[in-house]
Amino acid sequence: RVLVGREDVIRLFKGLQWRHGLPPMERFELVRINGAPGMVVYLEDGPETLALEAGEDGRICAIYAMRNPDKLTHIAEGRMGG
């Protein structure tokens, strides 16, 4: 099933939280990470980045998550350059 729009993405994350006991998401922002589409997800214990890699057909073929606080020091006040 193709996810289209903010509400689909929010439902996906809420479902993952419920099924896998993930920490609550306070908010998220759509950003560019190294030129690719991505998200910054703000959890109660800090931010996490999700970089989305598109395959040849344009669909997402991989998601890379980063939670290391030492590597996310450039994220301040919910803003990330890209």
PDB file of N, CA and C in Angstrom:
ATOM      1  N   ARG A   1       0.846  -1.183   0.000  1.00  0.00           N
ATOM      2  CA  ARG A   1       0.000   0.000   0.000  1.00  0.00           C
ATOM      3  C   ARG A   1       0.884   1.235   0.000  1.00  0.00           C
ATOM      4  N   VAL A   2       0.598   2.131  -0.892  1.00  0.00           N
ATOM      5  CA  VAL A   2       1.357   3.373  -0.999  1.00  0.00           C
ATOM      6  C   VAL A   2       0.878   4.346   0.067  1.00  0.00           C
ATOM      7  N   LEU A   3       1.813   4.946   0.772  1.00  0.00           N
ATOM      8  CA  LEU A   3       1.476   5.978   1.757  1.00  0.00           C
ATOM      9  C   LEU A   3       1.547   7.334   1.062  1.00  0.00           C
ATOM     10  N   VAL A   4       0.474   8.086   1.177  1.00  0.00           N
ATOM     11  CA  VAL A   4       0.420   9.401   0.554  1.00  0.00           C
ATOM     12  C   VAL A   4      -0.053  10.404   1.593  1.00  0.00           C
ATOM     13  N   GLY A   5       0.783  11.387   1.852  1.00  0.00           N
ATOM     14  CA  GLY A   5       0.382  12.476   2.729  1.00  0.00           C
ATOM     15  C   GLY A   5       0.692  12.251   4.200  1.00  0.00           C
ATOM     16  N   ARG A   6       0.557  13.330   4.914  1.00  0.00           N
ATOM     17  CA  ARG A   6       0.878  13.397   6.341  1.00  0.00           C
ATOM     18  C   ARG A   6       0.082  12.391   7.164  1.00  0.00           C
ATOM     19  N   GLU A   7      -1.218  12.297   6.926  1.00  0.00           N
ATOM     20  CA  GLU A   7      -2.064  11.419   7.743  1.00  0.00           C
ATOM     21  C   GLU A   7      -1.668   9.951   7.588  1.00  0.00           C
ATOM     22  N   ASP A   8      -1.310   9.523   6.382  1.00  0.00           N
ATOM     23  CA  ASP A   8      -0.856   8.144   6.179  1.00  0.00           C
ATOM     24  C   ASP A   8       0.432   7.877   6.957  1.00  0.00           C
ATOM     25  N   VAL A   9       1.354   8.826   6.920  1.00  0.00           N
ATOM     26  CA  VAL A   9       2.627   8.658   7.632  1.00  0.00           C
ATOM     27  C   VAL A   9       2.385   8.605   9.138  1.00  0.00           C
ATOM     28  N   ILE A  10       1.531   9.479   9.641  1.00  0.00           N
ATOM     29  CA  ILE A  10       1.218   9.489  11.072  1.00  0.00           C
ATOM     30  C   ILE A  10       0.590   8.164  11.490  1.00  0.00           C
ATOM     31  N   ARG A  11      -0.352   7.658  10.710  1.00  0.00           N
ATOM     32  CA  ARG A  11      -0.970   6.360  11.025  1.00  0.00           C
ATOM     33  C   ARG A  11       0.056   5.234  11.034  1.00  0.00           C
ATOM     34  N   LEU A  12       1.003   5.265  10.091  1.00  0.00           N
ATOM     35  CA  LEU A  12       2.056   4.254  10.065  1.00  0.00           C
ATOM     36  C   LEU A  12       2.858   4.284  11.361  1.00  0.00           C
ATOM     37  N   PHE A  13       3.302   5.464  11.766  1.00  0.00           N
ATOM     38  CA  PHE A  13       4.115   5.569  12.979  1.00  0.00           C
ATOM     39  C   PHE A  13       3.322   5.197  14.231  1.00  0.00           C
ATOM     40  N   LYS A  14       2.076   5.588  14.305  1.00  0.00           N
ATOM     41  CA  LYS A  14       1.262   5.208  15.463  1.00  0.00           C
ATOM     42  C   LYS A  14       1.084   3.695  15.522  1.00  0.00           C
ATOM     43  N   GLY A  15       0.895   3.060  14.363  1.00  0.00           N
ATOM     44  CA  GLY A  15       0.782   1.603  14.325  1.00  0.00           C
ATOM     45  C   GLY A  15       2.069   0.924  14.753  1.00  0.00           C
ATOM     46  N   LEU A  16       3.210   1.447  14.308  1.00  0.00           N
ATOM     47  CA  LEU A  16       4.497   0.877  14.721  1.00  0.00           C
ATOM     48  C   LEU A  16       4.721   1.051  16.219  1.00  0.00           C
ATOM     49  N   GLN A  17       4.340   2.211  16.744  1.00  0.00           N
ATOM     50  CA  GLN A  17       4.467   2.441  18.183  1.00  0.00           C
ATOM     51  C   GLN A  17       3.632   1.437  18.958  1.00  0.00           C
ATOM     52  N   TRP A  18       2.409   1.248  18.545  1.00  0.00           N
ATOM     53  CA  TRP A  18       1.488   0.349  19.243  1.00  0.00           C
ATOM     54  C   TRP A  18       1.981  -1.100  19.179  1.00  0.00           C
ATOM     55  N   ARG A  19       2.378  -1.545  17.992  1.00  0.00           N
ATOM     56  CA  ARG A  19       2.798  -2.939  17.815  1.00  0.00           C
ATOM     57  C   ARG A  19       4.116  -3.284  18.480  1.00  0.00           C
ATOM     58  N   HIS A  20       5.053  -2.336  18.443  1.00  0.00           N
ATOM     59  CA  HIS A  20       6.417  -2.648  18.878  1.00  0.00           C
ATOM     60  C   HIS A  20       6.843  -1.913  20.140  1.00  0.00           C
ATOM     61  N   GLY A  21       5.917  -1.213  20.787  1.00  0.00           N
ATOM     62  CA  GLY A  21       6.238  -0.520  22.031  1.00  0.00           C
ATOM     63  C   GLY A  21       7.281   0.565  21.866  1.00  0.00           C
ATOM     64  N   LEU A  22       7.267   1.251  20.721  1.00  0.00           N
ATOM     65  CA  LEU A  22       8.228   2.324  20.495  1.00  0.00           C
ATOM     66  C   LEU A  22       7.870   3.537  21.344  1.00  0.00           C
ATOM     67  N   PRO A  23       8.870   4.361  21.665  1.00  0.00           N
ATOM     68  CA  PRO A  23       8.573   5.564  22.459  1.00  0.00           C
ATOM     69  C   PRO A  23       7.653   6.507  21.697  1.00  0.00           C
ATOM     70  N   PRO A  24       6.840   7.280  22.422  1.00  0.00           N
ATOM     71  CA  PRO A  24       5.912   8.209  21.763  1.00  0.00           C
ATOM     72  C   PRO A  24       6.650   9.265  20.939  1.00  0.00           C
ATOM     73  N   MET A  25       6.092   9.594  19.798  1.00  0.00           N
ATOM     74  CA  MET A  25       6.645  10.611  18.918  1.00  0.00           C
ATOM     75  C   MET A  25       5.984  11.940  19.257  1.00  0.00           C
ATOM     76  N   GLU A  26       6.794  12.936  19.641  1.00  0.00           N
ATOM     77  CA  GLU A  26       6.246  14.254  19.961  1.00  0.00           C
ATOM     78  C   GLU A  26       5.842  15.007  18.702  1.00  0.00           C
ATOM     79  N   ARG A  27       6.696  14.942  17.671  1.00  0.00           N
ATOM     80  CA  ARG A  27       6.407  15.590  16.396  1.00  0.00           C
ATOM     81  C   ARG A  27       7.423  15.085  15.375  1.00  0.00           C
ATOM     82  N   PHE A  28       7.194  15.423  14.112  1.00  0.00           N
ATOM     83  CA  PHE A  28       8.168  15.102  13.082  1.00  0.00           C
ATOM     84  C   PHE A  28       8.186  16.202  12.039  1.00  0.00           C
ATOM     85  N   GLU A  29       9.293  16.283  11.320  1.00  0.00           N
ATOM     86  CA  GLU A  29       9.446  17.250  10.234  1.00  0.00           C
ATOM     87  C   GLU A  29       9.986  16.535   9.011  1.00  0.00           C
ATOM     88  N   LEU A  30       9.471  16.884   7.857  1.00  0.00           N
ATOM     89  CA  LEU A  30      10.012  16.374   6.609  1.00  0.00           C
ATOM     90  C   LEU A  30      11.200  17.246   6.236  1.00  0.00           C
ATOM     91  N   VAL A  31      12.324  16.622   5.913  1.00  0.00           N
ATOM     92  CA  VAL A  31      13.572  17.336   5.626  1.00  0.00           C
ATOM     93  C   VAL A  31      14.297  16.646   4.477  1.00  0.00           C
ATOM     94  N   ARG A  32      15.409  17.229   4.059  1.00  0.00           N
ATOM     95  CA  ARG A  32      16.325  16.585   3.116  1.00  0.00           C
ATOM     96  C   ARG A  32      17.553  16.200   3.907  1.00  0.00           C
ATOM     97  N   ILE A  33      17.995  14.967   3.728  1.00  0.00           N
ATOM     98  CA  ILE A  33      19.186  14.451   4.398  1.00  0.00           C
ATOM     99  C   ILE A  33      20.159  14.024   3.316  1.00  0.00           C
ATOM    100  N   ASN A  34      21.295  14.719   3.231  1.00  0.00           N
ATOM    101  CA  ASN A  34      22.274  14.465   2.172  1.00  0.00           C
ATOM    102  C   ASN A  34      21.612  14.490   0.790  1.00  0.00           C
ATOM    103  N   GLY A  35      20.666  15.403   0.609  1.00  0.00           N
ATOM    104  CA  GLY A  35      19.996  15.565  -0.667  1.00  0.00           C
ATOM    105  C   GLY A  35      18.811  14.641  -0.906  1.00  0.00           C
ATOM    106  N   ALA A  36      18.588  13.676  -0.023  1.00  0.00           N
ATOM    107  CA  ALA A  36      17.495  12.717  -0.188  1.00  0.00           C
ATOM    108  C   ALA A  36      16.352  13.069   0.757  1.00  0.00           C
ATOM    109  N   PRO A  37      15.133  12.632   0.446  1.00  0.00           N
ATOM    110  CA  PRO A  37      14.017  12.884   1.353  1.00  0.00           C
ATOM    111  C   PRO A  37      14.239  12.177   2.685  1.00  0.00           C
ATOM    112  N   GLY A  38      13.770  12.806   3.745  1.00  0.00           N
ATOM    113  CA  GLY A  38      13.910  12.198   5.056  1.00  0.00           C
ATOM    114  C   GLY A  38      12.999  12.854   6.069  1.00  0.00           C
ATOM    115  N   MET A  39      13.154  12.427   7.308  1.00  0.00           N
ATOM    116  CA  MET A  39      12.350  12.947   8.412  1.00  0.00           C
ATOM    117  C   MET A  39      13.227  13.097   9.641  1.00  0.00           C
ATOM    118  N   VAL A  40      12.902  14.082  10.448  1.00  0.00           N
ATOM    119  CA  VAL A  40      13.434  14.156  11.807  1.00  0.00           C
ATOM    120  C   VAL A  40      12.249  13.852  12.707  1.00  0.00           C
ATOM    121  N   VAL A  41      12.383  12.813  13.507  1.00  0.00           N
ATOM    122  CA  VAL A  41      11.335  12.399  14.435  1.00  0.00           C
ATOM    123  C   VAL A  41      11.804  12.802  15.829  1.00  0.00           C
ATOM    124  N   TYR A  42      10.990  13.561  16.541  1.00  0.00           N
ATOM    125  CA  TYR A  42      11.338  14.010  17.887  1.00  0.00           C
ATOM    126  C   TYR A  42      10.646  13.106  18.898  1.00  0.00           C
ATOM    127  N   LEU A  43      11.452  12.326  19.611  1.00  0.00           N
ATOM    128  CA  LEU A  43      10.961  11.433  20.650  1.00  0.00           C
ATOM    129  C   LEU A  43      11.218  12.085  21.999  1.00  0.00           C
ATOM    130  N   GLU A  44      10.618  11.552  23.050  1.00  0.00           N
ATOM    131  CA  GLU A  44      10.795  12.173  24.371  1.00  0.00           C
ATOM    132  C   GLU A  44      12.247  12.183  24.828  1.00  0.00           C
ATOM    133  N   ASP A  45      13.064  11.251  24.322  1.00  0.00           N
ATOM    134  CA  ASP A  45      14.469  11.208  24.748  1.00  0.00           C
ATOM    135  C   ASP A  45      15.429  11.771  23.703  1.00  0.00           C
ATOM    136  N   GLY A  46      14.908  12.448  22.680  1.00  0.00           N
ATOM    137  CA  GLY A  46      15.771  13.091  21.691  1.00  0.00           C
ATOM    138  C   GLY A  46      15.361  12.786  20.267  1.00  0.00           C
ATOM    139  N   PRO A  47      16.043  13.432  19.300  1.00  0.00           N
ATOM    140  CA  PRO A  47      15.671  13.272  17.903  1.00  0.00           C
ATOM    141  C   PRO A  47      16.220  11.990  17.279  1.00  0.00           C
ATOM    142  N   GLU A  48      15.569  11.581  16.206  1.00  0.00           N
ATOM    143  CA  GLU A  48      16.023  10.480  15.372  1.00  0.00           C
ATOM    144  C   GLU A  48      15.817  10.918  13.931  1.00  0.00           C
ATOM    145  N   THR A  49      16.776  10.610  13.066  1.00  0.00           N
ATOM    146  CA  THR A  49      16.595  10.926  11.652  1.00  0.00           C
ATOM    147  C   THR A  49      16.288   9.648  10.885  1.00  0.00           C
ATOM    148  N   LEU A  50      15.469   9.790   9.877  1.00  0.00           N
ATOM    149  CA  LEU A  50      15.136   8.693   8.979  1.00  0.00           C
ATOM    150  C   LEU A  50      15.393   9.179   7.560  1.00  0.00           C
ATOM    151  N   ALA A  51      16.408   8.621   6.915  1.00  0.00           N
ATOM    152  CA  ALA A  51      16.715   8.959   5.524  1.00  0.00           C
ATOM    153  C   ALA A  51      16.056   7.910   4.636  1.00  0.00           C
ATOM    154  N   LEU A  52      15.377   8.356   3.599  1.00  0.00           N
ATOM    155  CA  LEU A  52      14.639   7.471   2.705  1.00  0.00           C
ATOM    156  C   LEU A  52      15.391   7.345   1.389  1.00  0.00           C
ATOM    157  N   GLU A  53      15.679   6.106   0.988  1.00  0.00           N
ATOM    158  CA  GLU A  53      16.374   5.867  -0.278  1.00  0.00           C
ATOM    159  C   GLU A  53      15.380   5.354  -1.311  1.00  0.00           C
ATOM    160  N   ALA A  54      15.345   6.030  -2.444  1.00  0.00           N
ATOM    161  CA  ALA A  54      14.435   5.623  -3.517  1.00  0.00           C
ATOM    162  C   ALA A  54      15.118   4.630  -4.443  1.00  0.00           C
ATOM    163  N   GLY A  55      14.359   3.643  -4.875  1.00  0.00           N
ATOM    164  CA  GLY A  55      14.854   2.670  -5.845  1.00  0.00           C
ATOM    165  C   GLY A  55      14.708   3.221  -7.255  1.00  0.00           C
ATOM    166  N   GLU A  56      15.049   2.397  -8.226  1.00  0.00           N
ATOM    167  CA  GLU A  56      14.972   2.822  -9.630  1.00  0.00           C
ATOM    168  C   GLU A  56      13.554   3.190 -10.058  1.00  0.00           C
ATOM    169  N   ASP A  57      12.557   2.561  -9.427  1.00  0.00           N
ATOM    170  CA  ASP A  57      11.163   2.848  -9.787  1.00  0.00           C
ATOM    171  C   ASP A  57      10.592   4.041  -9.029  1.00  0.00           C
ATOM    172  N   GLY A  58      11.416   4.687  -8.181  1.00  0.00           N
ATOM    173  CA  GLY A  58      10.972   5.850  -7.425  1.00  0.00           C
ATOM    174  C   GLY A  58      10.338   5.523  -6.093  1.00  0.00           C
ATOM    175  N   ARG A  59      10.130   4.235  -5.813  1.00  0.00           N
ATOM    176  CA  ARG A  59       9.555   3.836  -4.520  1.00  0.00           C
ATOM    177  C   ARG A  59      10.655   3.718  -3.473  1.00  0.00           C
ATOM    178  N   ILE A  60      10.273   3.888  -2.225  1.00  0.00           N
ATOM    179  CA  ILE A  60      11.240   3.762  -1.129  1.00  0.00           C
ATOM    180  C   ILE A  60      11.699   2.314  -1.057  1.00  0.00           C
ATOM    181  N   CYS A  61      13.024   2.110  -1.112  1.00  0.00           N
ATOM    182  CA  CYS A  61      13.565   0.753  -1.033  1.00  0.00           C
ATOM    183  C   CYS A  61      14.357   0.542   0.245  1.00  0.00           C
ATOM    184  N   ALA A  62      14.691   1.627   0.967  1.00  0.00           N
ATOM    185  CA  ALA A  62      15.431   1.493   2.223  1.00  0.00           C
ATOM    186  C   ALA A  62      15.161   2.710   3.099  1.00  0.00           C
ATOM    187  N   ILE A  63      15.209   2.484   4.403  1.00  0.00           N
ATOM    188  CA  ILE A  63      15.087   3.552   5.390  1.00  0.00           C
ATOM    189  C   ILE A  63      16.265   3.425   6.338  1.00  0.00           C
ATOM    190  N   TYR A  64      17.014   4.498   6.490  1.00  0.00           N
ATOM    191  CA  TYR A  64      18.173   4.511   7.373  1.00  0.00           C
ATOM    192  C   TYR A  64      17.847   5.374   8.584  1.00  0.00           C
ATOM    193  N   ALA A  65      17.944   4.800   9.774  1.00  0.00           N
ATOM    194  CA  ALA A  65      17.639   5.519  11.012  1.00  0.00           C
ATOM    195  C   ALA A  65      18.933   5.866  11.741  1.00  0.00           C
ATOM    196  N   MET A  66      18.961   7.067  12.347  1.00  0.00           N
ATOM    197  CA  MET A  66      20.119   7.498  13.134  1.00  0.00           C
ATOM    198  C   MET A  66      19.618   8.034  14.465  1.00  0.00           C
ATOM    199  N   ARG A  67      20.126   7.457  15.580  1.00  0.00           N
ATOM    200  CA  ARG A  67      19.745   7.922  16.922  1.00  0.00           C
ATOM    201  C   ARG A  67      20.948   8.391  17.734  1.00  0.00           C
ATOM    202  N   ASN A  68      22.139   8.256  17.224  1.00  0.00           N
ATOM    203  CA  ASN A  68      23.344   8.615  17.960  1.00  0.00           C
ATOM    204  C   ASN A  68      23.360  10.119  18.244  1.00  0.00           C
ATOM    205  N   PRO A  69      23.232  10.526  19.519  1.00  0.00           N
ATOM    206  CA  PRO A  69      23.173  11.967  19.820  1.00  0.00           C
ATOM    207  C   PRO A  69      24.434  12.718  19.412  1.00  0.00           C
ATOM    208  N   ASP A  70      25.584  12.056  19.399  1.00  0.00           N
ATOM    209  CA  ASP A  70      26.817  12.724  18.979  1.00  0.00           C
ATOM    210  C   ASP A  70      26.785  13.096  17.497  1.00  0.00           C
ATOM    211  N   LYS A  71      26.045  12.334  16.703  1.00  0.00           N
ATOM    212  CA  LYS A  71      25.947  12.607  15.271  1.00  0.00           C
ATOM    213  C   LYS A  71      24.770  13.513  14.922  1.00  0.00           C
ATOM    214  N   LEU A  72      23.945  13.844  15.915  1.00  0.00           N
ATOM    215  CA  LEU A  72      22.762  14.671  15.656  1.00  0.00           C
ATOM    216  C   LEU A  72      22.852  16.033  16.342  1.00  0.00           C
ATOM    217  N   THR A  73      24.053  16.458  16.683  1.00  0.00           N
ATOM    218  CA  THR A  73      24.206  17.743  17.357  1.00  0.00           C
ATOM    219  C   THR A  73      23.833  18.920  16.462  1.00  0.00           C
ATOM    220  N   HIS A  74      23.803  18.726  15.133  1.00  0.00           N
ATOM    221  CA  HIS A  74      23.449  19.803  14.213  1.00  0.00           C
ATOM    222  C   HIS A  74      21.953  20.092  14.180  1.00  0.00           C
ATOM    223  N   ILE A  75      21.176  19.271  14.870  1.00  0.00           N
ATOM    224  CA  ILE A  75      19.736  19.501  14.929  1.00  0.00           C
ATOM    225  C   ILE A  75      19.455  20.321  16.189  1.00  0.00           C
ATOM    226  N   ALA A  76      19.012  21.544  15.981  1.00  0.00           N
ATOM    227  CA  ALA A  76      18.740  22.428  17.115  1.00  0.00           C
ATOM    228  C   ALA A  76      17.408  23.125  16.881  1.00  0.00           C
ATOM    229  N   GLU A  77      16.582  23.164  17.902  1.00  0.00           N
ATOM    230  CA  GLU A  77      15.295  23.849  17.816  1.00  0.00           C
ATOM    231  C   GLU A  77      14.452  23.336  16.659  1.00  0.00           C
ATOM    232  N   GLY A  78      14.604  22.053  16.330  1.00  0.00           N
ATOM    233  CA  GLY A  78      13.766  21.465  15.303  1.00  0.00           C
ATOM    234  C   GLY A  78      14.104  21.856  13.883  1.00  0.00           C
ATOM    235  N   ARG A  79      15.296  22.373  13.640  1.00  0.00           N
ATOM    236  CA  ARG A  79      15.688  22.768  12.283  1.00  0.00           C
ATOM    237  C   ARG A  79      16.915  21.979  11.865  1.00  0.00           C
ATOM    238  N   MET A  80      16.902  21.555  10.594  1.00  0.00           N
ATOM    239  CA  MET A  80      18.025  20.785  10.062  1.00  0.00           C
ATOM    240  C   MET A  80      18.315  21.286   8.672  1.00  0.00           C
ATOM    241  N   GLY A  81      19.552  21.605   8.389  1.00  0.00           N
ATOM    242  CA  GLY A  81      19.934  22.039   7.057  1.00  0.00           C
ATOM    243  C   GLY A  81      19.987  20.869   6.103  1.00  0.00           C
ATOM    244  N   GLY A  82      19.947  21.117   4.837  1.00  0.00           N
ATOM    245  CA  GLY A  82      20.005  20.010   3.922  1.00  0.00           C
ATOM    246  C   GLY A  82      20.257  20.512   2.574  1.00  0.00           C
TER     247      GLY A  82
END
